Protein backbone atom coordinates (compact mmCIF):
# COMPACT_ATOMS: atom_id res chain seq x y z
CA MET A 1 10.99 -6.85 35.41
CA ALA A 2 7.40 -7.94 35.97
CA GLU A 3 4.77 -5.38 34.97
CA ARG A 4 1.09 -5.05 35.75
CA ILE A 5 -0.61 -5.33 32.34
CA ALA A 6 -4.24 -4.65 31.46
CA VAL A 7 -5.54 -5.99 28.15
CA ILE A 8 -8.57 -4.12 26.83
CA GLY A 9 -10.74 -6.27 24.58
CA CYS A 10 -11.34 -10.01 24.83
CA GLY A 11 -11.51 -10.88 21.15
CA GLN A 12 -9.07 -13.37 19.67
CA PHE A 13 -6.01 -11.16 19.76
CA GLY A 14 -6.83 -9.66 23.14
CA ILE A 15 -6.91 -13.16 24.61
CA VAL A 16 -3.67 -14.07 22.85
CA LEU A 17 -2.00 -10.91 24.19
CA ALA A 18 -3.16 -11.65 27.72
CA CYS A 19 -1.90 -15.23 27.59
CA HIS A 20 1.45 -14.17 26.14
CA ALA A 21 1.92 -11.49 28.80
CA ALA A 22 1.08 -13.99 31.55
CA ARG A 23 3.57 -16.53 30.17
CA ALA A 24 6.18 -13.76 30.18
CA GLY A 25 5.70 -13.44 33.94
CA HIS A 26 3.49 -10.37 34.21
CA ALA A 27 0.36 -9.81 36.31
CA VAL A 28 -2.45 -9.62 33.75
CA SER A 29 -6.06 -8.44 33.68
CA LEU A 30 -8.32 -9.05 30.67
CA TRP A 31 -11.24 -6.63 30.28
CA GLY A 32 -14.44 -7.21 28.31
CA ARG A 33 -17.27 -4.75 27.69
CA ASN A 34 -20.14 -6.76 29.15
CA ALA A 35 -21.24 -9.98 30.80
CA GLU A 36 -22.00 -11.53 27.42
CA GLU A 37 -18.30 -11.35 26.57
CA VAL A 38 -16.86 -12.06 29.99
CA ALA A 39 -19.10 -14.76 31.49
CA PRO A 40 -18.23 -17.57 29.01
CA LEU A 41 -14.52 -16.89 29.44
CA LEU A 42 -14.84 -17.02 33.22
CA ALA A 43 -16.82 -20.26 33.00
CA THR A 44 -14.55 -22.15 30.61
CA ARG A 45 -11.25 -20.21 30.53
CA ARG A 46 -11.35 -20.71 26.75
CA SER A 47 -12.58 -18.86 23.67
CA PRO A 48 -14.69 -20.77 21.10
CA ARG A 49 -12.46 -19.27 18.40
CA LEU A 50 -9.27 -20.44 20.12
CA PRO A 51 -10.38 -23.72 21.74
CA SER A 52 -6.84 -25.05 22.20
CA LEU A 53 -5.71 -22.03 24.24
CA GLU A 54 -6.45 -22.11 27.96
CA ILE A 55 -6.61 -18.75 29.72
CA ALA A 56 -4.38 -19.21 32.75
CA PRO A 57 -6.02 -19.00 36.20
CA SER A 58 -3.59 -16.18 37.05
CA ILE A 59 -5.26 -13.91 34.45
CA SER A 60 -8.06 -11.83 35.96
CA ILE A 61 -11.05 -11.64 33.58
CA THR A 62 -13.41 -8.77 34.34
CA GLN A 63 -15.86 -6.21 32.98
CA ASP A 64 -14.97 -3.83 35.82
CA SER A 65 -12.71 -1.19 34.28
CA ARG A 66 -11.39 0.01 37.64
CA GLN A 67 -10.40 -3.50 38.58
CA ALA A 68 -8.72 -4.09 35.22
CA LEU A 69 -6.91 -0.77 34.92
CA GLY A 70 -6.11 0.03 38.54
CA GLY A 71 -2.35 0.26 39.00
CA ALA A 72 -1.61 -0.83 35.42
CA ASP A 73 1.88 -0.15 34.05
CA LEU A 74 1.03 -1.14 30.46
CA VAL A 75 -2.43 -1.09 28.88
CA LEU A 76 -2.77 -3.13 25.68
CA SER A 77 -5.70 -1.85 23.62
CA ALA A 78 -7.06 -4.66 21.44
CA ILE A 79 -10.22 -2.84 20.33
CA PRO A 80 -10.93 -2.59 16.56
CA SER A 81 -10.36 0.87 15.08
CA GLN A 82 -14.05 1.71 14.57
CA TYR A 83 -14.95 1.01 18.21
CA ALA A 84 -11.89 2.37 20.01
CA ARG A 85 -13.28 5.87 20.61
CA SER A 86 -16.58 4.70 22.11
CA VAL A 87 -14.83 2.17 24.36
CA TRP A 88 -12.07 4.50 25.53
CA ARG A 89 -14.49 7.33 26.30
CA VAL A 90 -15.75 5.05 29.08
CA LEU A 91 -12.33 3.83 30.20
CA THR A 92 -10.18 6.94 30.13
CA ASP A 93 -10.96 8.15 33.67
CA ASP A 94 -9.92 4.78 35.12
CA CYS A 95 -6.65 4.53 33.16
CA PRO A 96 -3.57 5.67 35.12
CA ARG A 97 -1.84 8.56 33.34
CA SER A 98 1.50 6.94 34.15
CA ALA A 99 0.58 3.82 32.15
CA VAL A 100 1.91 3.32 28.64
CA ILE A 101 -0.98 2.56 26.29
CA VAL A 102 -0.17 0.06 23.54
CA SER A 103 -2.42 0.00 20.48
CA VAL A 104 -2.62 -3.16 18.38
CA ALA A 105 -5.49 -2.05 16.10
CA LYS A 106 -4.83 -2.03 12.35
CA GLY A 107 -7.07 0.50 10.66
CA PHE A 108 -8.23 4.11 10.56
CA GLU A 109 -11.21 5.73 12.24
CA MET A 110 -13.90 6.17 9.59
CA GLU A 111 -15.36 9.52 10.67
CA THR A 112 -12.05 11.32 11.27
CA LEU A 113 -9.52 9.34 9.16
CA LEU A 114 -7.31 9.26 12.27
CA ARG A 115 -4.85 6.51 13.10
CA PRO A 116 -5.52 4.49 16.30
CA SER A 117 -2.72 6.19 18.24
CA GLU A 118 -4.13 9.61 17.34
CA VAL A 119 -7.54 8.63 18.71
CA LEU A 120 -5.95 7.38 21.94
CA HIS A 121 -3.87 10.56 22.29
CA GLU A 122 -7.07 12.60 21.99
CA LEU A 123 -8.85 10.64 24.71
CA CYS A 124 -6.01 9.73 27.08
CA ILE A 125 -4.36 13.12 27.44
CA GLY A 126 -0.96 12.88 29.07
CA SER A 127 -0.43 9.17 28.41
CA GLU A 128 2.30 7.80 26.17
CA VAL A 129 0.91 5.73 23.27
CA VAL A 130 2.96 3.03 21.54
CA THR A 131 1.88 1.01 18.50
CA LEU A 132 2.58 -2.74 18.37
CA SER A 133 2.25 -4.31 14.93
CA GLY A 134 3.56 -7.05 12.68
CA PRO A 135 2.64 -10.56 11.49
CA THR A 136 0.37 -11.83 14.28
CA ILE A 137 -2.17 -14.39 13.11
CA ALA A 138 -3.94 -15.13 16.40
CA THR A 139 -4.24 -18.89 15.88
CA GLU A 140 -0.47 -19.20 15.37
CA VAL A 141 0.45 -17.02 18.33
CA ALA A 142 -2.00 -19.03 20.45
CA ARG A 143 0.01 -22.17 19.61
CA GLY A 144 3.20 -20.51 20.82
CA LEU A 145 4.72 -20.27 17.35
CA PRO A 146 7.44 -17.60 16.96
CA THR A 147 6.94 -14.19 15.39
CA ALA A 148 8.52 -10.74 15.24
CA LEU A 149 6.79 -7.43 15.87
CA ILE A 150 7.50 -3.70 15.85
CA ALA A 151 6.92 -1.40 18.82
CA ALA A 152 6.75 2.16 17.51
CA GLY A 153 6.29 5.52 19.18
CA ASP A 154 7.68 8.98 19.76
CA GLU A 155 9.09 8.38 23.23
CA GLU A 156 12.08 6.05 23.19
CA GLY A 157 11.75 4.98 26.81
CA SER A 158 8.12 3.92 26.42
CA VAL A 159 8.91 1.95 23.26
CA ALA A 160 11.79 0.18 25.00
CA ARG A 161 9.53 -0.64 27.92
CA VAL A 162 7.05 -2.38 25.61
CA GLN A 163 9.91 -4.19 23.87
CA ASN A 164 11.30 -5.47 27.17
CA ALA A 165 7.92 -6.50 28.54
CA LEU A 166 6.66 -8.41 25.50
CA GLY A 167 9.86 -9.49 23.72
CA ARG A 168 9.85 -12.92 25.34
CA GLU A 169 8.38 -16.40 24.91
CA GLY A 170 8.90 -16.60 21.13
CA TRP A 171 8.21 -12.92 20.38
CA ARG A 172 11.07 -10.87 18.93
CA VAL A 173 10.14 -7.20 19.29
CA TYR A 174 11.98 -4.49 17.35
CA CYS A 175 11.81 -0.76 18.10
CA SER A 176 10.91 2.05 15.71
CA SER A 177 10.28 5.78 15.92
CA ASP A 178 8.10 5.64 12.77
CA GLN A 179 4.68 5.28 14.38
CA VAL A 180 2.96 6.83 11.36
CA GLY A 181 4.52 4.32 8.97
CA VAL A 182 3.90 1.31 11.20
CA GLU A 183 0.22 2.18 11.63
CA ALA A 184 -0.26 3.03 7.96
CA ALA A 185 1.34 -0.26 6.89
CA GLY A 186 -0.81 -2.29 9.27
CA ALA A 187 -3.98 -0.66 8.00
CA ILE A 188 -3.37 -0.49 4.25
CA LYS A 189 -2.14 -4.08 4.01
CA ASN A 190 -5.66 -5.24 4.90
CA VAL A 191 -6.95 -3.71 1.66
CA ILE A 192 -4.27 -5.53 -0.34
CA ALA A 193 -5.17 -8.73 1.53
CA LEU A 194 -8.78 -8.38 0.35
CA ALA A 195 -7.48 -8.23 -3.21
CA ALA A 196 -5.22 -11.24 -2.61
CA GLY A 197 -8.21 -13.20 -1.36
CA MET A 198 -10.15 -12.31 -4.50
CA VAL A 199 -7.23 -13.67 -6.56
CA ASP A 200 -7.44 -16.89 -4.54
CA GLY A 201 -11.21 -17.08 -4.98
CA MET A 202 -10.92 -16.66 -8.74
CA GLU A 203 -8.12 -19.29 -8.79
CA LEU A 204 -5.75 -17.05 -10.72
CA GLY A 205 -2.58 -18.66 -9.40
CA MET A 206 0.56 -17.66 -7.53
CA ASN A 207 2.04 -15.55 -10.33
CA ALA A 208 -0.93 -13.20 -10.17
CA LYS A 209 -0.86 -13.17 -6.37
CA ALA A 210 2.86 -12.43 -6.20
CA THR A 211 2.41 -9.58 -8.68
CA LEU A 212 -0.44 -8.20 -6.60
CA LEU A 213 1.64 -8.27 -3.41
CA ALA A 214 4.61 -6.55 -5.05
CA ARG A 215 2.47 -3.76 -6.46
CA GLY A 216 0.50 -3.66 -3.22
CA VAL A 217 3.65 -2.83 -1.26
CA ALA A 218 4.28 0.01 -3.71
CA GLU A 219 0.80 1.39 -3.01
CA MET A 220 1.24 1.01 0.74
CA SER A 221 4.53 2.87 0.73
CA ARG A 222 3.32 5.68 -1.54
CA LEU A 223 0.41 6.59 0.70
CA GLY A 224 2.36 5.92 3.89
CA ILE A 225 5.15 8.26 2.85
CA ALA A 226 2.60 10.93 1.90
CA LEU A 227 1.15 10.62 5.42
CA GLY A 228 4.58 11.08 6.98
CA GLY A 229 5.92 7.54 7.27
CA ARG A 230 9.35 6.32 6.20
CA ARG A 231 9.84 4.16 3.11
CA GLU A 232 11.90 1.49 4.88
CA THR A 233 9.04 0.74 7.28
CA PHE A 234 6.94 -0.66 4.44
CA PHE A 235 9.67 -3.10 3.42
CA GLY A 236 10.13 -4.46 6.95
CA ILE A 237 8.13 -6.45 9.47
CA ALA A 238 5.24 -3.99 9.72
CA GLY A 239 4.90 -3.83 5.93
CA VAL A 240 6.03 -6.78 3.81
CA GLY A 241 6.12 -9.11 6.82
CA ASP A 242 2.56 -8.44 7.93
CA LEU A 243 1.29 -8.28 4.35
CA ALA A 244 2.72 -11.70 3.45
CA THR A 245 1.18 -13.32 6.52
CA THR A 246 -2.22 -11.78 5.94
CA CYS A 247 -2.29 -12.62 2.24
CA PHE A 248 -1.16 -16.24 2.51
CA SER A 249 -2.57 -17.50 5.82
CA ALA A 250 -5.77 -19.53 5.68
CA ASP A 251 -6.67 -17.79 8.96
CA GLY A 252 -6.25 -14.25 7.58
CA ARG A 253 -9.69 -12.64 7.94
CA ASN A 254 -9.30 -10.07 5.18
CA ARG A 255 -7.91 -12.64 2.76
CA THR A 256 -10.76 -15.02 3.62
CA LEU A 257 -13.40 -12.36 3.01
CA GLY A 258 -11.80 -11.49 -0.33
CA GLU A 259 -11.73 -15.17 -1.30
CA ARG A 260 -15.46 -15.52 -0.67
CA ILE A 261 -16.11 -12.46 -2.82
CA GLY A 262 -13.83 -13.90 -5.51
CA ARG A 263 -15.97 -17.06 -5.48
CA GLY A 264 -19.10 -15.05 -6.19
CA ALA A 265 -20.44 -13.68 -2.90
CA THR A 266 -21.34 -10.03 -2.57
CA CYS A 267 -19.51 -7.99 0.04
CA ALA A 268 -22.60 -8.05 2.29
CA GLU A 269 -22.99 -11.82 1.92
CA ALA A 270 -19.32 -12.42 2.65
CA LEU A 271 -19.40 -10.20 5.74
CA ARG A 272 -22.43 -12.06 7.11
CA SER A 273 -20.54 -15.33 6.75
CA MET A 274 -17.63 -14.13 8.91
CA ASP A 275 -17.57 -14.65 12.67
CA SER A 276 -15.19 -11.80 13.49
CA VAL A 277 -14.44 -8.18 12.60
CA VAL A 278 -12.85 -7.64 9.17
CA GLU A 279 -11.17 -4.23 9.40
CA GLY A 280 -10.16 -4.06 5.74
CA VAL A 281 -13.64 -3.19 4.46
CA ASP A 282 -13.93 0.06 6.41
CA THR A 283 -10.22 0.70 5.91
CA CYS A 284 -10.68 0.56 2.14
CA LYS A 285 -13.10 3.50 2.33
CA VAL A 286 -10.67 5.53 4.42
CA VAL A 287 -7.63 4.69 2.28
CA ALA A 288 -9.48 5.78 -0.86
CA GLN A 289 -10.35 9.09 0.83
CA LEU A 290 -6.77 9.60 2.01
CA ALA A 291 -5.45 8.82 -1.47
CA ASP A 292 -7.76 11.48 -2.90
CA ARG A 293 -6.72 14.00 -0.26
CA MET A 294 -2.99 13.35 -0.74
CA GLY A 295 -3.12 12.93 -4.53
CA VAL A 296 -1.66 9.40 -4.39
CA GLU A 297 -2.25 6.88 -7.18
CA MET A 298 -3.59 3.58 -5.75
CA PRO A 299 -5.09 1.43 -8.54
CA ILE A 300 -5.40 -1.78 -6.49
CA THR A 301 -7.22 0.05 -3.72
CA ARG A 302 -9.52 1.65 -6.31
CA ALA A 303 -10.30 -1.75 -7.80
CA VAL A 304 -11.08 -3.27 -4.39
CA HIS A 305 -13.24 -0.25 -3.54
CA ALA A 306 -15.23 -0.72 -6.76
CA VAL A 307 -15.84 -4.39 -5.96
CA LEU A 308 -16.84 -3.77 -2.34
CA PHE A 309 -18.97 -0.67 -2.71
CA ALA A 310 -20.02 -0.37 -6.36
CA GLY A 311 -20.78 -4.04 -7.02
CA MET A 312 -18.11 -4.45 -9.71
CA ASP A 313 -17.36 -8.05 -10.62
CA PRO A 314 -13.84 -8.98 -9.39
CA ARG A 315 -12.89 -10.21 -12.86
CA THR A 316 -13.87 -6.86 -14.35
CA ALA A 317 -11.76 -5.15 -11.69
CA LEU A 318 -8.84 -7.40 -12.62
CA ARG A 319 -9.20 -6.54 -16.29
CA SER A 320 -9.16 -2.85 -15.42
CA LEU A 321 -5.85 -3.32 -13.60
CA MET A 322 -4.30 -5.44 -16.36
CA SER A 323 -5.32 -2.96 -19.06
CA ARG A 324 -3.51 -0.03 -17.43
CA ALA A 325 -0.71 1.47 -19.48
CA SER A 326 2.61 -0.29 -18.84
CA GLY A 327 5.72 1.68 -17.96
CA GLU A 328 8.79 1.64 -15.75
CA GLU A 329 8.30 -0.10 -12.42
CA ARG A 330 8.08 2.45 -9.61
CA LEU A 331 8.18 1.65 -5.90
């Protein structure tokens, strides 16, 4: 069944979502915050970051929230975690309460430590909120390459609706009731991806990187379970699947930032060299705070935090990890 879908946010993944939804036969609106974002897309129907992807003429591009959200059945929120509250404060009155809101952000809100769905529940009272996550490198999805995702939420009917609407055109969408675990996995994996990039930058090889990923999954699951998620979520598409993509793809933003730091740049220098939002930096701060609050041991996260915010040399951070007492492997 064709749905009316509004995509909020015209960054790379917002554009990819809009194009996918249009290919799947839905009526799609793409909303941007201001003329600076919207005008170039209207003029060229392309994004400079995704030059090979044409935005179909059937997709309405607008900065008018009433036009974008009016009558929407599904609202896909592609706003980074740190900006979601400020954006949705403006949009909430125009969003139909009957619409299912789908969050694709992967992070935590810095000031509150809340997950994206929790922020949306606060602002969009009465609306169902579903999380959509998994391995979704925008440049690959833009080329129509296949992937699998997880739609997670508390209300089974809303989750199934998202699955049916988006599980087409090369997307295999699974359902889950573990929204906490899916969101935690999507956020924490960005911290591990920063570490994986540092390993790449220091040219430490695949053995070191594979070890990092394996122990990174252990860290992700420990904190995720403490927050209320289920262990199996972290060993599925939202966990291992998304982590592997982010850590190995040349287009992974968090991995790329980590690589530049591993090659000698400071965190500030590396951030200035990026042309898009890198959620893992802010997420690292939040994850460290959550680990403290929950009493969860997260040595990789601690090492990344020391490099990003205390100026520790990545090689020193590596030595601190390698010098930890050895024992039985725990997942």
